[in-house]
């Protein structure tokens, strides 16, 4: 299944969270971790101005509670609005 976001929205695959441990060796459960705020753009909506700034393959930083979580082929995705995109991450 493919999804094409509309208007000023972007489809993003959030970066994976790796297993974290405390200094004492305790594993921090996923429920206690902050969700990732960066991800890779999969598709850009139909807004022409947005298409000039963000394209598929770009890594972006988005707002902490930004976007709507969805599952596509058992992979977590987010649909993020332009106002929730904080920056494009450059290497």
N, C-alpha and C. Protein backbone atom coordinates (compact mmCIF):
# COMPACT_ATOMS: atom_id res chain seq x y z
N UNK A 1 0.84 -1.17 0.00
CA UNK A 1 0.00 0.00 0.00
C UNK A 1 0.90 1.24 0.00
N UNK A 2 0.53 2.25 -0.77
CA UNK A 2 1.25 3.51 -0.77
C UNK A 2 0.30 4.62 -0.34
N UNK A 3 0.86 5.62 0.30
CA UNK A 3 0.08 6.76 0.76
C UNK A 3 0.71 8.03 0.20
N UNK A 4 -0.12 8.89 -0.38
CA UNK A 4 0.32 10.20 -0.86
C UNK A 4 -0.30 11.25 0.04
N UNK A 5 0.51 11.92 0.88
CA UNK A 5 -0.04 12.96 1.75
C UNK A 5 -0.63 14.11 0.92
N UNK A 6 -1.59 14.79 1.49
CA UNK A 6 -2.23 15.92 0.82
C UNK A 6 -1.76 17.24 1.43
N UNK A 7 -1.91 18.30 0.66
CA UNK A 7 -1.64 19.67 1.09
C UNK A 7 -0.24 19.82 1.70
N UNK A 8 -0.18 20.30 2.93
CA UNK A 8 1.11 20.61 3.56
C UNK A 8 1.56 19.52 4.53
N UNK A 9 1.34 18.27 4.17
CA UNK A 9 1.71 17.15 5.05
C UNK A 9 2.84 16.33 4.43
N UNK A 10 3.58 15.65 5.30
CA UNK A 10 4.72 14.85 4.88
C UNK A 10 4.62 13.49 5.56
N UNK A 11 4.89 12.41 4.82
CA UNK A 11 4.92 11.06 5.38
C UNK A 11 6.35 10.75 5.79
N UNK A 12 6.55 10.38 7.06
CA UNK A 12 7.88 10.20 7.63
C UNK A 12 7.98 8.84 8.31
N UNK A 13 9.14 8.20 8.17
CA UNK A 13 9.47 7.01 8.95
C UNK A 13 10.39 7.47 10.08
N UNK A 14 9.90 7.44 11.34
CA UNK A 14 10.73 7.88 12.46
C UNK A 14 11.97 6.99 12.62
N UNK A 15 13.06 7.59 13.08
CA UNK A 15 14.27 6.82 13.36
C UNK A 15 14.00 5.83 14.47
N UNK A 16 14.65 4.67 14.41
CA UNK A 16 14.48 3.64 15.44
C UNK A 16 15.16 4.05 16.72
N UNK A 17 14.54 3.64 17.82
CA UNK A 17 15.13 3.86 19.13
C UNK A 17 15.91 2.61 19.49
N UNK A 18 17.17 2.78 19.86
CA UNK A 18 17.98 1.62 20.24
C UNK A 18 17.77 1.29 21.71
N UNK A 19 18.11 0.07 22.07
CA UNK A 19 17.98 -0.36 23.46
C UNK A 19 18.92 0.46 24.34
N UNK A 20 18.38 1.00 25.42
CA UNK A 20 19.19 1.80 26.32
C UNK A 20 19.32 1.10 27.65
N UNK A 21 20.49 1.29 28.27
CA UNK A 21 20.75 0.73 29.60
C UNK A 21 21.27 1.81 30.52
N UNK A 22 20.99 1.65 31.80
CA UNK A 22 21.55 2.57 32.79
C UNK A 22 22.99 2.16 33.08
N UNK A 23 23.69 2.97 33.85
CA UNK A 23 25.08 2.61 34.21
C UNK A 23 25.15 1.28 34.94
N UNK A 24 24.11 0.97 35.71
CA UNK A 24 24.06 -0.28 36.45
C UNK A 24 23.67 -1.48 35.60
N UNK A 25 23.32 -1.25 34.33
CA UNK A 25 23.00 -2.35 33.44
C UNK A 25 21.52 -2.63 33.27
N UNK A 26 20.65 -1.83 33.90
CA UNK A 26 19.22 -2.04 33.75
C UNK A 26 18.76 -1.54 32.39
N UNK A 27 17.88 -2.31 31.76
CA UNK A 27 17.33 -1.91 30.46
C UNK A 27 16.17 -0.96 30.69
N UNK A 28 16.18 0.16 29.98
CA UNK A 28 15.09 1.13 30.08
C UNK A 28 14.00 0.70 29.10
N UNK A 29 12.77 0.44 29.59
CA UNK A 29 11.71 -0.03 28.69
C UNK A 29 11.26 1.05 27.71
N UNK A 30 10.70 0.61 26.58
CA UNK A 30 10.24 1.54 25.55
C UNK A 30 9.24 2.55 26.08
N UNK A 31 8.40 2.14 27.02
CA UNK A 31 7.37 3.03 27.55
C UNK A 31 7.97 4.20 28.32
N UNK A 32 9.21 4.07 28.80
CA UNK A 32 9.84 5.13 29.57
C UNK A 32 10.73 6.02 28.71
N UNK A 33 10.87 5.67 27.45
CA UNK A 33 11.74 6.43 26.56
C UNK A 33 10.96 7.50 25.82
N UNK A 34 11.66 8.54 25.45
CA UNK A 34 11.07 9.57 24.62
C UNK A 34 11.03 9.05 23.18
N UNK A 35 9.95 9.33 22.46
CA UNK A 35 9.85 8.88 21.07
C UNK A 35 10.82 9.68 20.21
N UNK A 36 11.28 9.06 19.12
CA UNK A 36 12.21 9.77 18.25
C UNK A 36 11.56 11.01 17.64
N UNK A 37 12.37 12.05 17.46
CA UNK A 37 11.87 13.28 16.88
C UNK A 37 12.48 13.55 15.52
N UNK A 38 13.26 12.58 15.03
CA UNK A 38 13.82 12.70 13.68
C UNK A 38 13.33 11.53 12.86
N UNK A 39 13.34 11.73 11.55
CA UNK A 39 12.91 10.66 10.68
C UNK A 39 13.23 10.98 9.23
N UNK A 40 12.99 10.01 8.37
CA UNK A 40 13.27 10.14 6.95
C UNK A 40 11.97 10.34 6.20
N UNK A 41 11.94 11.34 5.32
CA UNK A 41 10.75 11.65 4.54
C UNK A 41 10.55 10.58 3.47
N UNK A 42 9.34 10.05 3.39
CA UNK A 42 8.98 9.04 2.40
C UNK A 42 8.23 9.70 1.24
N UNK A 43 7.31 10.61 1.56
CA UNK A 43 6.52 11.29 0.54
C UNK A 43 6.14 12.68 1.02
N UNK A 44 6.02 13.61 0.06
CA UNK A 44 5.67 15.00 0.37
C UNK A 44 4.31 15.28 -0.24
N UNK A 45 3.49 16.08 0.47
CA UNK A 45 2.15 16.43 0.01
C UNK A 45 2.14 17.24 -1.27
N UNK A 46 0.99 17.77 -1.61
CA UNK A 46 0.78 18.43 -2.88
C UNK A 46 1.12 19.92 -2.88
N UNK A 47 1.52 20.49 -1.76
CA UNK A 47 1.85 21.90 -1.67
C UNK A 47 3.18 22.18 -2.39
N UNK A 48 3.15 23.04 -3.41
CA UNK A 48 4.35 23.31 -4.23
C UNK A 48 5.47 23.95 -3.43
N UNK A 49 5.15 24.87 -2.52
CA UNK A 49 6.18 25.53 -1.71
C UNK A 49 6.88 24.52 -0.81
N UNK A 50 6.12 23.61 -0.24
CA UNK A 50 6.70 22.58 0.63
C UNK A 50 7.61 21.65 -0.16
N UNK A 51 7.22 21.32 -1.40
CA UNK A 51 8.03 20.43 -2.24
C UNK A 51 9.39 21.03 -2.56
N UNK A 52 9.50 22.36 -2.55
CA UNK A 52 10.78 23.02 -2.79
C UNK A 52 11.71 22.91 -1.58
N UNK A 53 11.14 22.77 -0.39
CA UNK A 53 11.93 22.77 0.85
C UNK A 53 12.26 21.37 1.36
N UNK A 54 11.35 20.43 1.14
CA UNK A 54 11.52 19.07 1.66
C UNK A 54 11.23 18.09 0.53
N UNK A 55 12.07 17.05 0.44
CA UNK A 55 11.84 16.03 -0.59
C UNK A 55 12.06 14.64 0.02
N UNK A 56 11.58 13.63 -0.67
CA UNK A 56 11.74 12.25 -0.21
C UNK A 56 13.21 11.95 -0.03
N UNK A 57 13.54 11.30 1.09
CA UNK A 57 14.92 10.96 1.40
C UNK A 57 15.56 11.92 2.38
N UNK A 58 14.98 13.12 2.57
CA UNK A 58 15.53 14.08 3.54
C UNK A 58 15.29 13.59 4.95
N UNK A 59 16.22 13.92 5.85
CA UNK A 59 16.04 13.65 7.27
C UNK A 59 15.53 14.93 7.90
N UNK A 60 14.45 14.84 8.68
CA UNK A 60 13.88 16.03 9.30
C UNK A 60 13.78 15.87 10.81
N UNK A 61 13.69 17.00 11.49
CA UNK A 61 13.42 17.07 12.92
C UNK A 61 12.01 17.61 13.04
N UNK A 62 11.14 16.90 13.78
CA UNK A 62 9.76 17.35 13.92
C UNK A 62 9.39 17.53 15.38
N UNK A 63 8.30 18.25 15.61
CA UNK A 63 7.85 18.58 16.97
C UNK A 63 7.61 17.32 17.80
N UNK A 64 7.83 17.46 19.10
CA UNK A 64 7.73 16.33 20.03
C UNK A 64 6.41 15.58 19.92
N UNK A 65 5.32 16.29 19.86
CA UNK A 65 4.01 15.64 19.78
C UNK A 65 3.40 15.82 18.39
N UNK A 66 4.22 16.10 17.40
CA UNK A 66 3.73 16.36 16.05
C UNK A 66 3.41 15.09 15.29
N UNK A 67 2.43 15.19 14.43
CA UNK A 67 2.12 14.10 13.52
C UNK A 67 1.15 13.08 14.06
N UNK A 68 0.61 12.35 13.13
CA UNK A 68 -0.34 11.27 13.42
C UNK A 68 0.34 9.94 13.13
N UNK A 69 0.39 9.05 14.12
CA UNK A 69 1.04 7.76 13.93
C UNK A 69 0.14 6.82 13.14
N UNK A 70 0.73 6.13 12.16
CA UNK A 70 0.01 5.12 11.39
C UNK A 70 0.95 3.94 11.15
N UNK A 71 0.38 2.78 10.87
CA UNK A 71 1.15 1.58 10.56
C UNK A 71 0.95 1.25 9.08
N UNK A 72 2.05 1.11 8.35
CA UNK A 72 2.00 0.68 6.95
C UNK A 72 2.91 -0.52 6.81
N UNK A 73 2.34 -1.65 6.43
CA UNK A 73 3.12 -2.88 6.28
C UNK A 73 3.94 -3.17 7.53
N UNK A 74 3.33 -3.02 8.68
CA UNK A 74 3.90 -3.25 10.01
C UNK A 74 5.09 -2.35 10.34
N UNK A 75 5.22 -1.23 9.65
CA UNK A 75 6.26 -0.24 9.95
C UNK A 75 5.58 1.04 10.41
N UNK A 76 6.07 1.59 11.52
CA UNK A 76 5.49 2.83 12.04
C UNK A 76 5.85 4.00 11.14
N UNK A 77 4.86 4.80 10.80
CA UNK A 77 5.04 6.03 10.02
C UNK A 77 4.34 7.16 10.77
N UNK A 78 4.64 8.38 10.39
CA UNK A 78 3.92 9.54 10.90
C UNK A 78 3.57 10.43 9.73
N UNK A 79 2.39 11.01 9.79
CA UNK A 79 2.02 12.05 8.84
C UNK A 79 2.14 13.36 9.62
N UNK A 80 3.09 14.19 9.18
CA UNK A 80 3.45 15.41 9.90
C UNK A 80 3.06 16.63 9.07
N UNK A 81 2.45 17.61 9.70
CA UNK A 81 2.11 18.86 9.02
C UNK A 81 3.33 19.75 8.92
N UNK A 82 3.31 20.66 7.96
CA UNK A 82 4.42 21.60 7.75
C UNK A 82 4.77 22.34 9.05
N UNK A 83 3.78 22.76 9.80
CA UNK A 83 4.02 23.54 11.02
C UNK A 83 4.75 22.73 12.09
N UNK A 84 4.72 21.38 12.00
CA UNK A 84 5.42 20.53 12.94
C UNK A 84 6.83 20.18 12.52
N UNK A 85 7.22 20.54 11.28
CA UNK A 85 8.58 20.29 10.82
C UNK A 85 9.45 21.43 11.32
N UNK A 86 10.43 21.11 12.15
CA UNK A 86 11.29 22.12 12.75
C UNK A 86 12.53 22.41 11.94
N UNK A 87 13.07 21.38 11.27
CA UNK A 87 14.31 21.58 10.51
C UNK A 87 14.57 20.39 9.60
N UNK A 88 15.37 20.64 8.57
CA UNK A 88 15.91 19.58 7.73
C UNK A 88 17.33 19.33 8.25
N UNK A 89 17.64 18.08 8.57
CA UNK A 89 18.94 17.73 9.14
C UNK A 89 19.93 17.50 8.01
N UNK A 90 21.03 18.24 8.03
CA UNK A 90 22.10 18.12 7.02
C UNK A 90 23.30 17.43 7.67
N UNK A 91 24.00 16.62 6.91
CA UNK A 91 25.21 15.95 7.43
C UNK A 91 26.41 16.82 7.28
